[in-house]
Protein backbone atom coordinates (compact mmCIF):
# COMPACT_ATOMS: atom_id res chain seq x y z
CA MET A 1 150.82 159.94 5.15
CA LYS A 2 147.37 160.40 3.21
CA LYS A 3 144.00 160.20 2.80
CA LEU A 4 142.21 157.84 0.33
CA ILE A 5 138.41 159.36 -0.58
CA LEU A 6 135.80 157.31 -2.33
CA ASN A 7 132.96 158.63 -4.14
CA VAL A 8 131.36 155.14 -4.81
CA ARG A 9 127.98 155.74 -3.92
CA ASP A 10 126.49 156.99 -7.69
CA ARG A 11 127.07 155.18 -11.47
CA GLU A 12 130.54 157.38 -11.70
CA LYS A 13 133.53 155.68 -9.39
CA ARG A 14 135.50 158.42 -8.05
CA THR A 15 138.51 158.06 -5.76
CA ALA A 16 140.94 160.80 -4.50
CA VAL A 17 144.17 160.89 -2.64
CA ILE A 18 145.25 163.13 -0.71
CA GLU A 19 148.74 164.07 0.82
CA ASN A 20 149.60 167.07 3.09
CA ASN A 21 145.96 168.33 2.53
CA LYS A 22 146.18 168.42 -0.54
CA VAL A 23 144.61 166.55 -3.23
CA VAL A 24 147.22 164.62 -5.61
CA GLU A 25 145.44 161.98 -7.63
CA ILE A 26 142.04 161.71 -8.92
CA ASN A 27 140.87 158.59 -10.76
CA ILE A 28 137.32 158.66 -12.08
CA GLN A 29 135.66 155.28 -13.44
CA GLN A 30 132.69 155.96 -15.65
CA PRO A 31 130.42 153.32 -16.91
CA ILE A 32 131.34 154.45 -21.24
CA HIS A 33 134.87 154.78 -19.95
CA THR A 34 135.46 151.32 -17.96
CA GLU A 35 139.33 150.96 -17.25
CA ILE A 36 140.56 147.56 -18.77
CA VAL A 37 144.09 147.43 -17.18
CA GLY A 38 144.65 144.20 -15.39
CA ASN A 39 141.40 142.54 -16.77
CA ILE A 40 142.62 139.76 -18.64
CA TYR A 41 140.87 138.10 -21.76
CA LYS A 42 140.55 134.69 -23.49
CA GLY A 43 141.45 136.45 -27.05
CA ARG A 44 142.27 135.40 -30.73
CA VAL A 45 145.34 136.65 -32.80
CA ILE A 46 143.78 138.14 -36.04
CA ASP A 47 147.01 139.06 -37.15
CA VAL A 48 151.32 138.33 -36.62
CA LEU A 49 153.52 140.82 -37.99
CA PRO A 50 157.16 139.86 -38.12
CA GLY A 51 158.28 142.91 -38.91
CA MET A 52 157.16 144.40 -36.01
CA GLN A 53 157.54 141.60 -34.01
CA ALA A 54 154.09 141.83 -32.68
CA ALA A 55 150.91 140.35 -33.06
CA PHE A 56 146.79 141.87 -33.14
CA VAL A 57 144.55 140.20 -30.81
CA ASP A 58 140.95 140.52 -30.30
CA ILE A 59 139.84 140.91 -26.96
CA GLY A 60 136.42 141.46 -27.67
CA ILE A 61 136.10 145.50 -27.15
CA GLY A 62 136.17 146.40 -30.62
CA LYS A 63 139.63 147.21 -30.41
CA ASN A 64 142.15 144.79 -31.46
CA GLY A 65 145.06 144.95 -28.79
CA TYR A 66 148.57 144.40 -29.55
CA ILE A 67 150.94 142.08 -28.17
CA GLN A 68 155.15 142.03 -28.43
CA ARG A 69 157.10 138.89 -28.67
CA ASP A 70 158.76 139.10 -25.85
CA GLN A 71 155.49 139.18 -23.83
CA LEU A 72 154.10 136.09 -25.42
CA GLN A 73 154.32 132.85 -22.86
CA SER A 74 155.15 131.12 -25.52
CA PHE A 75 158.52 132.66 -25.67
CA HIS A 76 159.45 133.17 -22.17
CA LEU A 77 158.55 129.60 -21.75
CA SER A 78 160.63 128.46 -24.61
CA ALA A 79 163.56 125.86 -23.55
CA LEU A 80 165.36 127.44 -26.50
CA PRO A 81 168.69 129.33 -24.64
CA ASP A 82 167.92 133.11 -24.53
CA HIS A 83 170.16 134.20 -28.16
CA GLU A 84 168.52 131.70 -29.68
CA LYS A 85 164.89 132.77 -28.94
CA LYS A 86 165.80 136.34 -29.61
CA ALA A 87 166.79 135.51 -32.97
CA LYS A 88 163.20 134.12 -34.23
CA SER A 89 160.65 135.57 -35.54
CA ILE A 90 157.45 136.19 -33.61
CA SER A 91 155.68 133.62 -36.44
CA SER A 92 158.09 130.99 -34.51
CA PHE A 93 155.68 131.97 -31.11
CA VAL A 94 152.34 132.26 -32.18
CA ARG A 95 150.24 132.23 -35.40
CA GLN A 96 146.93 133.95 -36.91
CA GLY A 97 143.91 132.34 -35.61
CA GLU A 98 145.33 131.30 -32.07
CA GLU A 99 143.57 131.08 -28.98
CA ILE A 100 145.31 132.67 -26.54
CA ILE A 101 145.21 134.15 -22.65
CA VAL A 102 146.22 137.80 -22.54
CA GLN A 103 146.48 140.50 -20.02
CA VAL A 104 145.70 144.24 -20.47
CA THR A 105 149.23 146.30 -19.46
CA LYS A 106 148.33 149.50 -20.91
CA GLU A 107 144.82 151.31 -22.25
CA GLY A 108 144.26 152.25 -25.62
CA SER A 109 143.61 155.22 -27.19
CA GLU A 110 141.17 156.59 -29.74
CA ARG A 111 144.02 155.56 -32.71
CA LYS A 112 145.63 152.58 -30.49
CA GLY A 113 144.50 149.42 -29.19
CA PRO A 114 145.36 148.35 -25.62
CA LYS A 115 148.76 146.91 -24.64
CA LEU A 116 148.61 143.40 -23.67
CA THR A 117 150.98 140.61 -22.18
CA GLY A 118 150.80 136.77 -21.77
CA LEU A 119 152.62 137.11 -19.07
CA ILE A 120 149.63 136.96 -16.37
CA GLU A 121 150.38 138.42 -13.20
CA PHE A 122 147.87 138.92 -9.74
CA PRO A 123 149.09 142.13 -7.67
CA GLY A 124 148.17 142.42 -4.26
CA SER A 125 149.03 144.32 -1.41
CA SER A 126 152.46 142.35 -0.08
CA LEU A 127 153.25 140.56 -3.24
CA VAL A 128 152.48 140.18 -7.42
CA TYR A 129 152.15 136.23 -7.84
CA SER A 130 152.62 135.01 -11.69
CA PRO A 131 151.32 131.29 -12.27
CA PHE A 132 154.19 131.33 -14.83
CA GLY A 133 156.96 133.74 -14.32
CA ASN A 134 159.29 131.34 -13.02
CA TYR A 135 161.29 133.96 -10.93
CA ILE A 136 161.56 135.38 -7.06
CA ALA A 137 162.15 139.23 -6.69
CA VAL A 138 162.33 140.99 -3.48
CA SER A 139 161.74 145.03 -3.33
CA ARG A 140 165.34 146.57 -3.03
CA LYS A 141 163.48 148.83 -1.05
CA MET A 142 163.82 146.43 1.77
CA LYS A 143 166.46 147.88 4.14
CA GLU A 144 168.23 145.21 5.91
CA GLU A 145 169.90 142.55 3.81
CA ALA A 146 168.82 140.06 6.20
CA GLU A 147 165.39 140.75 5.36
CA ARG A 148 165.63 140.34 1.79
CA ASP A 149 167.32 136.88 2.22
CA ARG A 150 164.56 135.67 4.28
CA TRP A 151 161.96 136.62 1.57
CA LYS A 152 164.30 135.13 -0.91
CA MET A 153 164.09 131.76 1.12
CA PHE A 154 160.26 132.05 1.84
CA GLY A 155 159.61 132.72 -2.17
CA LYS A 156 162.22 129.25 -2.67
CA THR A 157 160.10 127.08 -0.02
CA VAL A 158 156.30 127.83 -1.61
CA LEU A 159 156.73 128.29 -5.01
CA GLN A 160 155.88 125.28 -7.37
CA GLU A 161 157.69 125.51 -11.03
CA PRO A 162 156.52 127.81 -12.94
CA GLU A 163 155.39 129.82 -10.42
CA GLY A 164 156.82 133.88 -10.13
CA ILE A 165 156.79 135.78 -7.03
CA ILE A 166 157.47 140.06 -6.60
CA LEU A 167 157.86 140.43 -2.80
CA ARG A 168 156.85 143.79 -2.39
CA THR A 169 157.99 146.13 0.76
CA ALA A 170 155.11 145.92 2.26
CA CYS A 171 156.38 142.54 3.14
CA GLU A 172 159.20 143.76 5.73
CA ASN A 173 158.84 142.61 9.04
CA LYS A 174 155.72 141.11 8.70
CA ALA A 175 154.96 137.05 9.85
CA GLU A 176 155.56 134.95 7.12
CA GLU A 177 152.25 133.45 7.37
CA ARG A 178 150.31 136.29 6.48
CA ILE A 179 151.68 136.64 3.21
CA GLN A 180 150.95 132.62 3.07
CA ILE A 181 147.42 133.75 3.28
CA GLU A 182 147.39 136.22 0.45
CA LEU A 183 149.57 134.30 -1.71
CA ASP A 184 147.06 131.36 -1.43
CA TYR A 185 144.37 133.86 -2.31
CA GLN A 186 145.59 135.14 -5.25
CA ARG A 187 146.68 131.40 -6.47
CA ARG A 188 142.61 130.79 -6.25
CA LYS A 189 141.88 133.34 -8.52
CA TYR A 190 144.25 131.94 -10.78
CA ARG A 191 142.56 128.43 -10.60
CA SER A 192 139.20 129.92 -10.82
CA LEU A 193 140.32 132.00 -14.45
CA HIS A 194 141.98 128.55 -15.21
CA GLU A 195 138.51 127.09 -15.09
CA LYS A 196 136.81 129.48 -16.85
CA GLN A 197 138.99 129.45 -19.57
CA ASN A 198 138.41 126.21 -20.61
CA GLN A 199 134.17 126.91 -21.14
CA VAL A 200 134.43 129.94 -22.68
CA LYS A 201 135.11 130.53 -26.47
CA PRO A 202 136.98 133.79 -27.49
CA PRO A 203 136.69 136.68 -27.62
CA SER A 204 136.01 136.49 -23.65
CA LEU A 205 137.20 138.41 -20.33
CA LEU A 206 138.17 136.30 -17.63
CA PHE A 207 139.13 138.19 -14.95
CA ASP A 208 137.58 142.08 -14.15
CA ALA A 209 140.36 144.24 -12.41
CA SER A 210 138.06 147.14 -11.83
CA ASN A 211 136.82 145.76 -8.74
CA ILE A 212 137.34 149.30 -6.49
CA VAL A 213 138.16 147.25 -3.19
CA ASP A 214 140.88 145.10 -5.30
CA ARG A 215 141.95 148.49 -7.06
CA ILE A 216 142.80 150.08 -3.27
CA VAL A 217 144.56 147.42 -1.89
CA ILE A 218 147.09 146.92 -5.24
CA GLU A 219 147.26 150.67 -6.13
CA HIS A 220 148.19 151.67 -2.49
CA ARG A 221 150.63 151.24 0.41
CA LEU A 222 148.41 150.58 2.92
CA GLU A 223 150.98 151.31 5.84
CA ASP A 224 151.43 154.60 3.70
CA ILE A 225 147.41 155.45 4.51
CA GLU A 226 146.08 157.01 7.03
CA GLU A 227 142.64 156.72 6.99
CA ILE A 228 139.60 155.87 3.75
CA ILE A 229 136.33 157.76 4.07
CA ILE A 230 134.00 155.79 2.11
CA ASP A 231 130.49 156.91 0.96
CA ASP A 232 128.71 153.66 0.65
CA SER A 233 128.09 151.38 3.19
CA HIS A 234 128.46 148.29 1.50
CA VAL A 235 132.28 149.02 -0.14
CA TYR A 236 132.65 150.56 3.20
CA ARG A 237 131.85 146.92 4.69
CA ASP A 238 133.69 145.08 2.00
CA ILE A 239 137.06 147.07 2.76
CA LYS A 240 136.83 146.71 6.43
CA GLU A 241 136.51 142.90 5.92
CA ARG A 242 139.34 142.83 3.41
CA LEU A 243 141.84 144.94 5.28
CA GLY A 244 140.89 142.94 8.73
CA ASP A 245 142.82 144.19 11.50
CA ASN A 246 145.74 146.17 9.41
CA SER A 247 145.85 149.68 10.65
CA VAL A 248 144.10 151.75 8.56
CA LEU A 249 141.05 153.75 9.71
CA VAL A 250 138.00 153.26 8.01
CA SER A 251 135.37 155.56 7.90
CA HIS A 252 131.54 155.88 6.77
CA PHE A 253 130.43 159.20 5.59
CA ASN A 254 126.77 159.30 5.51
CA GLY A 255 126.60 163.10 5.26
CA THR A 256 123.74 164.72 2.77
CA GLU A 257 126.55 166.38 1.41
CA ASN A 258 128.69 165.08 -1.77
CA ILE A 259 131.98 163.89 -0.14
CA PHE A 260 134.09 165.35 -3.06
CA SER A 261 132.63 168.85 -2.16
CA VAL A 262 133.38 168.37 1.83
CA TYR A 263 137.00 167.74 1.67
CA GLY A 264 137.43 170.10 -1.56
CA ILE A 265 138.00 167.69 -4.05
CA GLU A 266 135.36 168.71 -6.12
CA ARG A 267 136.70 172.22 -6.31
CA GLU A 268 140.06 170.73 -7.31
CA ILE A 269 138.61 168.71 -10.33
CA GLU A 270 137.43 172.21 -11.88
CA LYS A 271 140.83 173.33 -11.63
CA ALA A 272 142.04 170.42 -13.33
CA GLN A 273 140.53 170.99 -16.37
CA LYS A 274 142.12 174.76 -16.95
CA GLN A 275 145.06 175.32 -19.06
CA VAL A 276 146.44 178.45 -15.81
CA VAL A 277 147.00 176.64 -12.87
CA TRP A 278 148.35 179.56 -10.54
CA LEU A 279 151.37 178.93 -7.62
CA GLU A 280 151.23 180.44 -4.29
CA ASN A 281 153.90 183.16 -4.69
CA GLY A 282 151.63 184.33 -7.86
CA ALA A 283 153.77 182.98 -10.56
CA TYR A 284 151.42 180.58 -13.38
CA LEU A 285 151.99 177.51 -15.45
CA LEU A 286 150.47 177.16 -18.61
CA ILE A 287 149.35 173.63 -19.25
CA GLU A 288 149.00 172.48 -22.85
CA GLN A 289 147.86 168.82 -23.82
CA THR A 290 148.13 167.38 -26.83
CA GLU A 291 147.73 163.76 -28.64
CA ALA A 292 151.37 163.69 -29.34
CA LEU A 293 153.20 165.71 -26.22
CA THR A 294 152.27 167.94 -23.39
CA VAL A 295 153.90 171.11 -23.11
CA ILE A 296 154.07 173.40 -19.67
CA ASP A 297 155.29 176.37 -19.87
CA VAL A 298 156.16 178.74 -16.75
CA ASN A 299 155.46 182.35 -16.36
CA THR A 300 156.78 184.99 -13.44
CA GLY A 301 152.87 185.93 -13.68
CA LYS A 302 152.58 188.68 -10.37
CA PHE A 303 155.35 187.35 -8.49
CA GLN A 304 158.30 189.90 -8.75
CA GLY A 305 160.95 188.93 -5.81
CA LYS A 306 162.18 190.73 -3.17
CA GLU A 307 166.03 189.78 -4.07
CA SER A 308 167.71 190.44 -7.92
CA LEU A 309 165.98 188.92 -11.04
CA ARG A 310 168.03 185.43 -10.70
CA ASP A 311 166.44 184.88 -7.14
CA THR A 312 163.24 185.44 -9.32
CA VAL A 313 163.53 183.04 -11.61
CA PHE A 314 164.84 180.30 -9.63
CA LYS A 315 162.47 180.77 -6.74
CA THR A 316 159.49 180.68 -9.19
CA ASN A 317 161.17 177.26 -11.08
CA GLN A 318 161.20 175.67 -7.77
CA ALA A 319 157.85 176.43 -6.61
CA ALA A 320 157.20 175.43 -10.36
CA ALA A 321 158.75 171.85 -10.35
CA THR A 322 156.58 171.16 -6.96
CA GLU A 323 153.87 172.15 -8.60
CA ILE A 324 154.24 170.34 -11.61
CA ALA A 325 154.91 166.72 -10.09
CA ARG A 326 151.47 167.50 -8.67
CA GLN A 327 149.94 168.31 -11.69
CA LEU A 328 151.32 165.23 -13.72
CA ARG A 329 149.67 163.02 -10.93
CA LEU A 330 146.67 164.83 -10.82
CA ARG A 331 145.45 164.69 -14.37
CA ASP A 332 147.52 161.54 -14.89
CA ILE A 333 149.48 163.25 -17.88
CA SER A 334 151.80 160.61 -19.43
CA GLY A 335 153.92 160.27 -22.54
CA ILE A 336 156.66 162.77 -23.77
CA ILE A 337 156.27 166.40 -21.28
CA LEU A 338 158.18 169.35 -22.30
CA ILE A 339 158.83 171.76 -19.49
CA ASP A 340 159.30 175.64 -20.14
CA PHE A 341 161.17 176.86 -17.43
CA ILE A 342 162.03 180.57 -17.32
CA ASP A 343 165.40 180.51 -18.66
CA MET A 344 168.18 179.97 -16.59
CA LYS A 345 171.97 179.60 -17.69
CA ASP A 346 173.79 178.11 -14.61
CA LYS A 347 174.01 174.21 -14.76
CA ASP A 348 173.70 174.20 -10.80
CA GLU A 349 170.55 175.89 -10.63
CA ARG A 350 169.69 173.46 -13.43
CA GLN A 351 170.74 170.68 -11.85
CA LYS A 352 168.55 171.85 -8.16
CA ILE A 353 165.34 172.28 -10.65
CA MET A 354 165.58 168.83 -11.69
CA GLN A 355 166.24 167.51 -8.48
CA ALA A 356 163.16 169.39 -6.74
CA LEU A 357 160.89 167.75 -9.94
CA ARG A 358 162.13 164.18 -8.66
CA SER A 359 161.89 164.84 -5.02
CA ALA A 360 158.34 166.19 -5.76
CA SER A 361 157.68 162.83 -7.65
CA LYS A 362 158.45 160.38 -5.28
CA GLY A 363 155.00 159.75 -4.52
CA ASP A 364 153.90 159.06 -8.10
CA ARG A 365 152.96 155.56 -8.77
CA ASN A 366 153.68 156.23 -12.11
CA ARG A 367 156.98 155.92 -13.47
CA ILE A 368 158.84 159.19 -14.32
CA ILE A 369 161.75 159.62 -15.82
CA ILE A 370 163.87 162.99 -16.26
CA HIS A 371 165.48 162.84 -18.82
CA GLY A 372 167.22 166.53 -18.85
CA PHE A 373 167.29 169.65 -20.34
CA THR A 374 167.74 170.30 -24.25
CA SER A 375 169.78 173.29 -25.91
CA LEU A 376 166.72 175.39 -25.99
CA GLY A 377 166.48 174.82 -22.27
CA ILE A 378 163.21 173.13 -22.58
CA LEU A 379 163.46 170.15 -19.85
CA GLU A 380 162.43 166.87 -21.51
CA VAL A 381 160.21 164.17 -19.02
CA THR A 382 158.46 161.21 -19.84
CA ARG A 383 155.55 159.58 -17.75
CA LYS A 384 154.09 156.15 -18.28
CA LYS A 385 151.10 155.71 -19.09
CA VAL A 386 148.61 153.10 -17.62
CA ARG A 387 145.51 154.85 -17.88
CA GLN A 388 143.18 157.78 -19.72
CA ASP A 389 144.27 160.90 -18.34
CA LEU A 390 141.45 163.21 -16.69
CA SER A 391 141.05 165.32 -19.68
CA ALA A 392 139.99 162.62 -21.34
CA ILE A 393 137.34 160.89 -19.30
CA LEU A 394 135.77 164.39 -18.24
CA GLN A 395 136.00 166.42 -21.59
CA VAL A 396 135.58 165.92 -25.28
CA ASN A 397 136.67 167.66 -28.38
CA CYS A 398 134.30 170.95 -28.90
CA PRO A 399 132.44 170.43 -31.80
CA THR A 400 133.07 174.01 -32.53
CA CYS A 401 136.90 174.05 -32.94
CA LEU A 402 137.13 170.27 -33.32
CA GLY A 403 139.78 169.99 -30.63
CA THR A 404 142.18 172.70 -32.02
CA GLY A 405 141.12 174.80 -29.67
CA ARG A 406 141.22 177.83 -32.69
CA VAL A 407 138.29 178.80 -35.32
CA ALA A 408 138.37 180.95 -38.26
CA SER A 409 138.43 184.81 -37.79
CA ALA A 410 135.61 186.44 -39.42
CA GLU A 411 138.27 188.39 -42.07
CA THR A 412 138.84 184.74 -43.17
CA VAL A 413 135.42 184.08 -43.86
CA ALA A 414 134.37 186.97 -45.55
CA PHE A 415 137.33 186.71 -47.88
CA LYS A 416 136.17 183.10 -48.67
CA LEU A 417 132.70 184.25 -49.16
CA GLU A 418 133.85 186.98 -51.93
CA ARG A 419 135.76 184.47 -53.66
CA GLU A 420 132.90 182.01 -53.65
CA LEU A 421 130.67 185.11 -55.07
CA TRP A 422 133.44 185.93 -57.96
CA GLU A 423 133.18 182.15 -59.23
CA LEU A 424 128.91 183.88 -60.19
CA ARG A 425 130.58 186.24 -62.62
CA GLY A 426 128.87 185.86 -66.27
CA LYS A 427 126.37 183.61 -64.95
CA ASP A 428 122.65 184.43 -65.49
CA LEU A 429 121.86 185.91 -62.32
CA GLU A 430 120.05 189.28 -61.06
CA ALA A 431 120.18 188.29 -57.19
CA VAL A 432 122.13 186.43 -54.14
CA TRP A 433 120.81 185.67 -51.19
CA ILE A 434 123.32 185.27 -48.05
CA GLU A 435 123.24 184.53 -44.69
CA ALA A 436 125.92 184.92 -42.27
CA THR A 437 126.93 186.26 -38.52
CA LYS A 438 127.25 189.64 -38.17
CA THR A 439 130.70 189.89 -37.28
CA VAL A 440 131.17 188.22 -41.53
CA ILE A 441 128.94 190.81 -42.48
CA ASP A 442 130.33 193.56 -41.31
CA VAL A 443 133.76 192.43 -42.28
CA PHE A 444 132.30 191.54 -45.59
CA LYS A 445 130.40 195.16 -46.39
CA GLY A 446 133.37 197.43 -45.37
CA ASP A 447 132.96 200.86 -44.32
CA GLN A 448 129.61 202.66 -45.64
CA ASN A 449 129.39 199.23 -47.23
CA VAL A 450 132.41 200.14 -50.14
CA HIS A 451 133.13 196.48 -50.60
CA LEU A 452 129.81 195.63 -50.75
CA LYS A 453 129.01 198.16 -53.74
CA ARG A 454 132.18 197.32 -55.36
CA LEU A 455 131.41 193.23 -55.35
CA GLU A 456 127.59 194.38 -56.68
CA ASP A 457 129.00 196.54 -59.66
CA ALA A 458 131.90 193.87 -60.55
CA LEU A 459 129.24 190.87 -60.66
CA THR A 460 126.55 193.10 -62.06
CA ILE A 461 124.04 191.32 -59.53
CA SER A 462 122.05 192.34 -56.16
CA ILE A 463 123.18 191.21 -52.85
CA TYR A 464 120.99 190.83 -50.02
CA LEU A 465 122.32 189.68 -46.56
CA SER A 466 120.87 188.62 -43.47
CA VAL A 467 121.91 188.24 -40.19
CA ILE A 468 122.25 184.49 -38.56
CA SER A 469 123.25 183.34 -35.16
CA SER A 470 125.98 181.10 -34.63
CA PRO A 471 128.91 180.34 -32.42
CA LEU A 472 130.98 180.13 -35.44
CA HIS A 473 131.96 182.82 -37.91
CA THR A 474 130.18 181.52 -41.04
CA TYR A 475 127.83 182.07 -43.74
CA ASN A 476 125.25 179.91 -46.02
CA ILE A 477 124.29 181.26 -49.68
CA ARG A 478 121.00 180.23 -49.45
CA HIS A 479 119.58 181.24 -53.31
CA THR A 480 120.73 182.89 -56.53
CA GLY A 481 118.20 183.83 -59.16
CA SER A 482 116.22 186.75 -60.59
CA GLN A 483 115.21 189.82 -58.00
CA SER A 484 111.61 188.95 -57.56
CA ASP A 485 112.43 185.07 -56.33
CA VAL A 486 115.33 185.92 -54.05
CA LYS A 487 112.92 188.66 -52.21
CA GLU A 488 110.07 186.45 -52.68
CA ARG A 489 112.32 183.68 -50.61
CA ILE A 490 113.62 186.67 -47.89
CA GLY A 491 110.04 187.48 -47.48
CA GLU A 492 110.24 191.16 -48.94
């Protein structure tokens, strides 16, 4: 069972999931980083690319979204046989300048726009309603075949062509009247959207999916939630009204201290921004995130074990697999993930570690695929991206290192300065004034100023140095000219 903690009384909206007294998910919505997954827009097709079987659509957010041919409503509803449809170019189903209704399925990034679909869906706690889905799907997790058949028949009875529906596991053992109420609610949403789309010009937002109450109902299985604790009275009343007689305990937190501090979530947010994650046994993980992929390195650290080296390695990897699954959810890391476990030669042990990671990931709402170990012993994993990861929301690239995590050394900068001064050889100059950080000056001058004197003799100029303060190893050639001119500028 789990608890949801909602810190929503400020402009920044934050939610956290606690399972078995551990924080496993954090979602932060900042006004500048508004989530758009689930939003529905009336857009305009800007470009159609037959070679990629995709089109770019202006939805009014400053960056065009992209939609693939198979996700177009016109492709989906085409009366052509499947093999004929798939043989046709995207140009047969959409044209440049056309107005289309699209829904965001994946957040964009700095270099890429959001991913779109024309197959609109309205998800709820018990079902997903698709106005043009033309299908009936029942969760495979329903244990009884008779129960699955009951809900298939329900779908056939209540749907009108071309409607579609996915009946979630939450429907199991519930009254059909209750599910009918939710279906009618989603239908009203679509009717409202349909009326709005005829009144606005593209690009326009038709449906905002960022409502905090809707997100909770949609994203979490209510039967798994033990308690929802909220620090805002308005949201508290909204959730109480929306859940009705549901068995979930809904509490209003009105303490003066920040709710995230009370439940230890603030501390977890700080730890989730660090590269090193310590395990309880003294081992640690090193997590390196880049735009292309994430690399996780497992180290024994202080853990020495009580038995053989092999036993120590296996136990460390086992603990690491459990914590890695939590960190992927906590930091919302997605895309390609490479995990460098401590080397294991035994195939059975590798399989056990993969199973440990798979078991620990069961609660993750984002799809995780464990692809297996490479020939180098690296475990390849992919995790579906839905929204920006925690790091992208809370942090920006360092203005000093520009996101690389590294800066030029004092030696590198000092040698660059020396090369630049050599370019002054033969010019009609008597002196040069240079400002630089102390570390650069020390390397540039050398022990007992030996390098400085050698350079002055070779260039036949006087070199004046001033110390400046900077987080970077840096220098600046302030002035070149006569001795008197340079001294006057320095203030001698």
